[in-house]
Structures are given as structure tokens and as C-alpha cells.
Amino acid sequence: MNGMLRLAILNPILLRVVTAGGRRLRHGFTRWGYLGLLILVLFVGWMASGMGSAKSLSDFAKSSTQTFMIISYVQLGMICLLAPVFCASAITQERDSQTYNILLATPLSNSQIVMGSLFSRLYYVIALLLSGAPVFAITLLYGGVTAPNIALSFAIALSTALFTGSLAIAIAVFRLGSGK
């Protein structure tokens, strides 16, 4: 149990990056752009599905369901794009700032370094996902979408982020390890 905590939650790399990186303006702009895109897709989806011409509650529910599907696909696409970018840059930023060799000299194991880098970067992706929850909650208000649907959409996006982020960091580690 103690080993798992050191790999994930109590990892020094995770704690350092999360506490220092939350103040970066670039991450704020990324969150605002992500939310802006989701809100734009929400309004465009409503207009395209005929939400303005809905006559009954069932029409609202159908439009809301279609809009939810569109937003879910956009969210999944954004996560597929952003998670590898955030995660692959974890190792390369250490190398570029010339702290990678210092990091290797610490008593951290290789798995702690890699997992700390992965989870610290996935923290931002999870923050993006959670910031989009109110947009999904709006579709919940109009019917046709249930809370388990939203939870499933977020679970799929989170597992996709974990997979693509892991793949990106593995490629970055192998690329760095090969000396090229």
C-alpha cells in the first residue's frame, strides 16, 4: 500500500509539478479554450438539432440527447489531442531544462519518476474534464440525458486520457533512452 502511495499520490514529482504548475498562465488559457469550445459546441449543437423550434418536452429531450452526444465526441477528441501533448512534454521538459540527470541522481526509482511525470500531467487533463462538467450538466436539465450517461462519458474520456497519456510518455521515455 505504501508503495502505491509513493507511485501515485505522494510522488514528489507529482506534488512539485501540481503545486508549481497550477499558477501557469498557459494552463489557464488551455482550460478557457477547452471550456469555450465545449460551450460553442453546446450552442451550435442546440441550433443544429432544432432546440429553438422544439414544441414539446420530448423534442427538448431529443435535442438535448443529440447535443450531449456531439459534446461527448468533441470532449473525447480534445482529450485524445491534449493528453498526449501534456504527457509527452513531461520528460522532454525535464531534459530541456537539464534537470533530468539530477532527477536520475535522486533516490527515486525509475517507476516513481515515470509515474510521477504521468500522473502530474494527467492532473491537468482531469482538471479539464472536471471543468467541463457544468456544460454537461446543462444538457441534463433539458432531459434525455441521465447522470449515469454523463458519468460514463467522463469515464471513457478519463480512460482514454490515461491510455493516450501513457502511450505518449512511453514513447518519450524510449525516445530519450535511445539517445536520439
C-alpha atoms as a PDB file:
ATOM      1  CA  MET A   1       0.000   0.000   0.000  1.00  0.00           C
ATOM      2  CA  ASN A   2       2.821   2.386   0.879  1.00  0.00           C
ATOM      3  CA  GLY A   3       4.495   1.690  -2.475  1.00  0.00           C
ATOM      4  CA  MET A   4       1.320   2.553  -4.364  1.00  0.00           C
ATOM      5  CA  LEU A   5       1.017   5.847  -2.488  1.00  0.00           C
ATOM      6  CA  ARG A   6       4.595   6.732  -3.384  1.00  0.00           C
ATOM      7  CA  LEU A   7       3.977   5.891  -7.043  1.00  0.00           C
ATOM      8  CA  ALA A   8       0.800   7.918  -7.335  1.00  0.00           C
ATOM      9  CA  ILE A   9      -0.465  10.280  -4.648  1.00  0.00           C
ATOM     10  CA  LEU A  10       2.636  11.045  -2.568  1.00  0.00           C
ATOM     11  CA  ASN A  11       5.020  11.108  -5.505  1.00  0.00           C
ATOM     12  CA  PRO A  12       7.424  14.071  -5.129  1.00  0.00           C
ATOM     13  CA  ILE A  13       7.343  14.834  -8.855  1.00  0.00           C
ATOM     14  CA  LEU A  14       3.549  14.911  -8.835  1.00  0.00           C
ATOM     15  CA  LEU A  15       3.467  17.194  -5.809  1.00  0.00           C
ATOM     16  CA  ARG A  16       6.096  19.562  -7.246  1.00  0.00           C
ATOM     17  CA  VAL A  17       4.505  19.887 -10.677  1.00  0.00           C
ATOM     18  CA  VAL A  18       0.947  20.231  -9.379  1.00  0.00           C
ATOM     19  CA  THR A  19       1.790  22.901  -6.796  1.00  0.00           C
ATOM     20  CA  ALA A  20       4.005  24.933  -9.122  1.00  0.00           C
ATOM     21  CA  GLY A  21       2.165  24.359 -12.377  1.00  0.00           C
ATOM     22  CA  GLY A  22      -1.265  25.473 -11.206  1.00  0.00           C
ATOM     23  CA  ARG A  23      -0.114  29.058 -11.452  1.00  0.00           C
ATOM     24  CA  ARG A  24       0.961  28.893 -15.070  1.00  0.00           C
ATOM     25  CA  LEU A  25      -0.954  31.150 -17.396  1.00  0.00           C
ATOM     26  CA  ARG A  26      -0.671  28.664 -20.268  1.00  0.00           C
ATOM     27  CA  HIS A  27      -2.715  26.067 -18.385  1.00  0.00           C
ATOM     28  CA  GLY A  28      -5.352  28.676 -17.621  1.00  0.00           C
ATOM     29  CA  PHE A  29      -5.627  29.579 -21.297  1.00  0.00           C
ATOM     30  CA  THR A  30      -5.892  25.895 -22.164  1.00  0.00           C
ATOM     31  CA  ARG A  31      -8.779  25.473 -19.708  1.00  0.00           C
ATOM     32  CA  TRP A  32     -10.547  28.575 -21.015  1.00  0.00           C
ATOM     33  CA  GLY A  33     -10.107  27.449 -24.622  1.00  0.00           C
ATOM     34  CA  TYR A  34     -11.393  23.961 -23.778  1.00  0.00           C
ATOM     35  CA  LEU A  35     -14.438  25.372 -21.997  1.00  0.00           C
ATOM     36  CA  GLY A  36     -15.045  27.899 -24.745  1.00  0.00           C
ATOM     37  CA  LEU A  37     -15.026  25.148 -27.344  1.00  0.00           C
ATOM     38  CA  LEU A  38     -17.423  22.985 -25.316  1.00  0.00           C
ATOM     39  CA  ILE A  39     -19.817  25.916 -24.827  1.00  0.00           C
ATOM     40  CA  LEU A  40     -19.615  26.796 -28.520  1.00  0.00           C
ATOM     41  CA  VAL A  41     -20.357  23.181 -29.453  1.00  0.00           C
ATOM     42  CA  LEU A  42     -23.257  23.205 -26.981  1.00  0.00           C
ATOM     43  CA  PHE A  43     -24.880  26.204 -28.650  1.00  0.00           C
ATOM     44  CA  VAL A  44     -24.163  25.028 -32.182  1.00  0.00           C
ATOM     45  CA  GLY A  45     -25.482  21.578 -31.295  1.00  0.00           C
ATOM     46  CA  TRP A  46     -28.685  23.058 -29.945  1.00  0.00           C
ATOM     47  CA  MET A  47     -29.190  25.176 -33.046  1.00  0.00           C
ATOM     48  CA  ALA A  48     -28.389  22.282 -35.384  1.00  0.00           C
ATOM     49  CA  SER A  49     -30.706  19.875 -33.568  1.00  0.00           C
ATOM     50  CA  GLY A  50     -33.602  22.319 -33.646  1.00  0.00           C
ATOM     51  CA  MET A  51     -33.706  23.225 -29.954  1.00  0.00           C
ATOM     52  CA  GLY A  52     -35.077  26.653 -30.824  1.00  0.00           C
ATOM     53  CA  SER A  53     -38.047  25.162 -32.688  1.00  0.00           C
ATOM     54  CA  ALA A  54     -38.879  22.497 -30.097  1.00  0.00           C
ATOM     55  CA  LYS A  55     -42.601  22.308 -29.397  1.00  0.00           C
ATOM     56  CA  SER A  56     -42.787  19.736 -26.623  1.00  0.00           C
ATOM     57  CA  LEU A  57     -40.718  18.305 -23.806  1.00  0.00           C
ATOM     58  CA  SER A  58     -39.914  15.223 -25.871  1.00  0.00           C
ATOM     59  CA  ASP A  59     -38.463  17.479 -28.581  1.00  0.00           C
ATOM     60  CA  PHE A  60     -36.300  19.159 -25.940  1.00  0.00           C
ATOM     61  CA  ALA A  61     -35.154  15.740 -24.696  1.00  0.00           C
ATOM     62  CA  LYS A  62     -34.265  14.559 -28.213  1.00  0.00           C
ATOM     63  CA  SER A  63     -32.349  17.757 -28.938  1.00  0.00           C
ATOM     64  CA  SER A  64     -30.555  17.532 -25.615  1.00  0.00           C
ATOM     65  CA  THR A  65     -29.578  13.912 -26.286  1.00  0.00           C
ATOM     66  CA  GLN A  66     -28.165  14.799 -29.704  1.00  0.00           C
ATOM     67  CA  THR A  67     -26.288  17.759 -28.248  1.00  0.00           C
ATOM     68  CA  PHE A  68     -24.899  15.578 -25.456  1.00  0.00           C
ATOM     69  CA  MET A  69     -23.588  13.082 -27.998  1.00  0.00           C
ATOM     70  CA  ILE A  70     -21.907  15.837 -30.006  1.00  0.00           C
ATOM     71  CA  ILE A  71     -20.303  17.370 -26.898  1.00  0.00           C
ATOM     72  CA  SER A  72     -19.129  13.940 -25.736  1.00  0.00           C
ATOM     73  CA  TYR A  73     -17.412  13.276 -29.055  1.00  0.00           C
ATOM     74  CA  VAL A  74     -15.781  16.710 -29.036  1.00  0.00           C
ATOM     75  CA  GLN A  75     -14.604  16.160 -25.453  1.00  0.00           C
ATOM     76  CA  LEU A  76     -13.154  12.766 -26.381  1.00  0.00           C
ATOM     77  CA  GLY A  77     -11.401  14.275 -29.391  1.00  0.00           C
ATOM     78  CA  MET A  78      -9.937  17.084 -27.303  1.00  0.00           C
ATOM     79  CA  ILE A  79      -8.725  14.609 -24.683  1.00  0.00           C
ATOM     80  CA  CYS A  80      -7.139  12.456 -27.398  1.00  0.00           C
ATOM     81  CA  LEU A  81      -5.329  15.569 -28.575  1.00  0.00           C
ATOM     82  CA  LEU A  82      -4.376  17.188 -25.252  1.00  0.00           C
ATOM     83  CA  ALA A  83      -3.418  14.206 -23.071  1.00  0.00           C
ATOM     84  CA  PRO A  84      -0.508  13.083 -25.290  1.00  0.00           C
ATOM     85  CA  VAL A  85       0.703  16.668 -25.669  1.00  0.00           C
ATOM     86  CA  PHE A  86       0.739  17.250 -21.905  1.00  0.00           C
ATOM     87  CA  CYS A  87       2.250  13.859 -21.078  1.00  0.00           C
ATOM     88  CA  ALA A  88       4.914  13.687 -23.771  1.00  0.00           C
ATOM     89  CA  SER A  89       6.209  17.080 -22.745  1.00  0.00           C
ATOM     90  CA  ALA A  90       6.819  15.876 -19.168  1.00  0.00           C
ATOM     91  CA  ILE A  91      10.058  14.048 -19.874  1.00  0.00           C
ATOM     92  CA  THR A  92      11.260  16.403 -22.601  1.00  0.00           C
ATOM     93  CA  GLN A  93      10.819  19.430 -20.325  1.00  0.00           C
ATOM     94  CA  GLU A  94      12.979  17.730 -17.700  1.00  0.00           C
ATOM     95  CA  ARG A  95      15.617  17.062 -20.326  1.00  0.00           C
ATOM     96  CA  ASP A  96      15.439  20.544 -21.864  1.00  0.00           C
ATOM     97  CA  SER A  97      15.731  22.308 -18.510  1.00  0.00           C
ATOM     98  CA  GLN A  98      18.660  19.979 -17.777  1.00  0.00           C
ATOM     99  CA  THR A  99      17.105  18.618 -14.589  1.00  0.00           C
ATOM    100  CA  TYR A 100      16.688  15.103 -15.959  1.00  0.00           C
ATOM    101  CA  ASN A 101      20.173  13.964 -14.890  1.00  0.00           C
ATOM    102  CA  ILE A 102      19.634  15.491 -11.448  1.00  0.00           C
ATOM    103  CA  LEU A 103      16.325  13.658 -11.259  1.00  0.00           C
ATOM    104  CA  LEU A 104      18.090  10.382 -12.035  1.00  0.00           C
ATOM    105  CA  ALA A 105      20.535  11.057  -9.188  1.00  0.00           C
ATOM    106  CA  THR A 106      17.735  11.309  -6.606  1.00  0.00           C
ATOM    107  CA  PRO A 107      16.690   8.264  -4.562  1.00  0.00           C
ATOM    108  CA  LEU A 108      13.526   7.979  -6.657  1.00  0.00           C
ATOM    109  CA  SER A 109      13.098   4.764  -8.598  1.00  0.00           C
ATOM    110  CA  ASN A 110      12.575   4.772 -12.359  1.00  0.00           C
ATOM    111  CA  SER A 111       8.932   3.848 -11.877  1.00  0.00           C
ATOM    112  CA  GLN A 112       8.436   6.745  -9.451  1.00  0.00           C
ATOM    113  CA  ILE A 113       9.931   9.156 -11.979  1.00  0.00           C
ATOM    114  CA  VAL A 114       7.801   7.897 -14.867  1.00  0.00           C
ATOM    115  CA  MET A 115       4.571   7.505 -12.869  1.00  0.00           C
ATOM    116  CA  GLY A 116       5.064  10.876 -11.185  1.00  0.00           C
ATOM    117  CA  SER A 117       5.531  12.524 -14.550  1.00  0.00           C
ATOM    118  CA  LEU A 118       2.489  10.738 -15.968  1.00  0.00           C
ATOM    119  CA  PHE A 119       0.156  11.489 -13.072  1.00  0.00           C
ATOM    120  CA  SER A 120       1.326  15.080 -12.744  1.00  0.00           C
ATOM    121  CA  ARG A 121       0.423  15.710 -16.371  1.00  0.00           C
ATOM    122  CA  LEU A 122      -2.818  13.754 -16.177  1.00  0.00           C
ATOM    123  CA  TYR A 123      -3.781  16.034 -13.289  1.00  0.00           C
ATOM    124  CA  TYR A 124      -4.249  18.856 -15.805  1.00  0.00           C
ATOM    125  CA  VAL A 125      -6.293  16.634 -18.091  1.00  0.00           C
ATOM    126  CA  ILE A 126      -8.520  15.623 -15.168  1.00  0.00           C
ATOM    127  CA  ALA A 127      -8.894  19.309 -14.290  1.00  0.00           C
ATOM    128  CA  LEU A 128     -10.023  19.930 -17.874  1.00  0.00           C
ATOM    129  CA  LEU A 129     -12.553  17.129 -17.642  1.00  0.00           C
ATOM    130  CA  LEU A 130     -13.939  18.408 -14.355  1.00  0.00           C
ATOM    131  CA  SER A 131     -14.143  21.966 -15.654  1.00  0.00           C
ATOM    132  CA  GLY A 132     -16.406  20.706 -18.448  1.00  0.00           C
ATOM    133  CA  ALA A 133     -18.876  19.086 -16.034  1.00  0.00           C
ATOM    134  CA  PRO A 134     -21.165  22.154 -15.814  1.00  0.00           C
ATOM    135  CA  VAL A 135     -21.525  22.192 -19.590  1.00  0.00           C
ATOM    136  CA  PHE A 136     -22.673  18.576 -19.477  1.00  0.00           C
ATOM    137  CA  ALA A 137     -24.990  19.387 -16.579  1.00  0.00           C
ATOM    138  CA  ILE A 138     -26.823  21.873 -18.808  1.00  0.00           C
ATOM    139  CA  THR A 139     -27.832  19.016 -21.117  1.00  0.00           C
ATOM    140  CA  LEU A 140     -29.059  17.160 -18.036  1.00  0.00           C
ATOM    141  CA  LEU A 141     -31.521  19.965 -17.309  1.00  0.00           C
ATOM    142  CA  TYR A 142     -33.360  19.602 -20.608  1.00  0.00           C
ATOM    143  CA  GLY A 143     -33.951  15.862 -20.258  1.00  0.00           C
ATOM    144  CA  GLY A 144     -32.990  12.972 -22.459  1.00  0.00           C
ATOM    145  CA  VAL A 145     -29.653  12.635 -20.664  1.00  0.00           C
ATOM    146  CA  THR A 146     -29.134  10.975 -17.304  1.00  0.00           C
ATOM    147  CA  ALA A 147     -26.359  11.368 -14.745  1.00  0.00           C
ATOM    148  CA  PRO A 148     -25.063   7.831 -15.472  1.00  0.00           C
ATOM    149  CA  ASN A 149     -24.720   8.826 -19.155  1.00  0.00           C
ATOM    150  CA  ILE A 150     -22.567  11.790 -18.146  1.00  0.00           C
ATOM    151  CA  ALA A 151     -20.554   9.655 -15.727  1.00  0.00           C
ATOM    152  CA  LEU A 152     -19.973   7.056 -18.458  1.00  0.00           C
ATOM    153  CA  SER A 153     -18.876   9.760 -20.891  1.00  0.00           C
ATOM    154  CA  PHE A 154     -16.392  11.098 -18.331  1.00  0.00           C
ATOM    155  CA  ALA A 155     -15.147   7.577 -17.525  1.00  0.00           C
ATOM    156  CA  ILE A 156     -14.497   6.896 -21.206  1.00  0.00           C
ATOM    157  CA  ALA A 157     -12.697  10.230 -21.582  1.00  0.00           C
ATOM    158  CA  LEU A 158     -10.613   9.584 -18.460  1.00  0.00           C
ATOM    159  CA  SER A 159      -9.615   6.088 -19.559  1.00  0.00           C
ATOM    160  CA  THR A 160      -8.747   7.448 -22.995  1.00  0.00           C
ATOM    161  CA  ALA A 161      -6.608  10.138 -21.368  1.00  0.00           C
ATOM    162  CA  LEU A 162      -4.835   7.525 -19.270  1.00  0.00           C
ATOM    163  CA  PHE A 163      -4.183   5.321 -22.309  1.00  0.00           C
ATOM    164  CA  THR A 164      -3.024   8.068 -24.684  1.00  0.00           C
ATOM    165  CA  GLY A 165      -1.010   9.772 -21.951  1.00  0.00           C
ATOM    166  CA  SER A 166       0.700   6.509 -21.005  1.00  0.00           C
ATOM    167  CA  LEU A 167       1.472   5.807 -24.626  1.00  0.00           C
ATOM    168  CA  ALA A 168       2.877   9.309 -25.155  1.00  0.00           C
ATOM    169  CA  ILE A 169       5.073   9.186 -22.065  1.00  0.00           C
ATOM    170  CA  ALA A 170       6.305   5.700 -23.010  1.00  0.00           C
ATOM    171  CA  ILE A 171       7.319   6.982 -26.422  1.00  0.00           C
ATOM    172  CA  ALA A 172       9.030   9.983 -24.809  1.00  0.00           C
ATOM    173  CA  VAL A 173      10.912   7.742 -22.374  1.00  0.00           C
ATOM    174  CA  PHE A 174      12.025   5.297 -25.084  1.00  0.00           C
ATOM    175  CA  ARG A 175      12.979   8.166 -27.356  1.00  0.00           C
ATOM    176  CA  LEU A 176      15.015   9.780 -24.576  1.00  0.00           C
ATOM    177  CA  GLY A 177      16.565   6.475 -23.553  1.00  0.00           C
ATOM    178  CA  SER A 178      17.715   5.707 -27.075  1.00  0.00           C
ATOM    179  CA  GLY A 179      19.867   8.831 -27.102  1.00  0.00           C
ATOM    180  CA  LYS A 180      18.329  10.301 -30.240  1.00  0.00           C
END
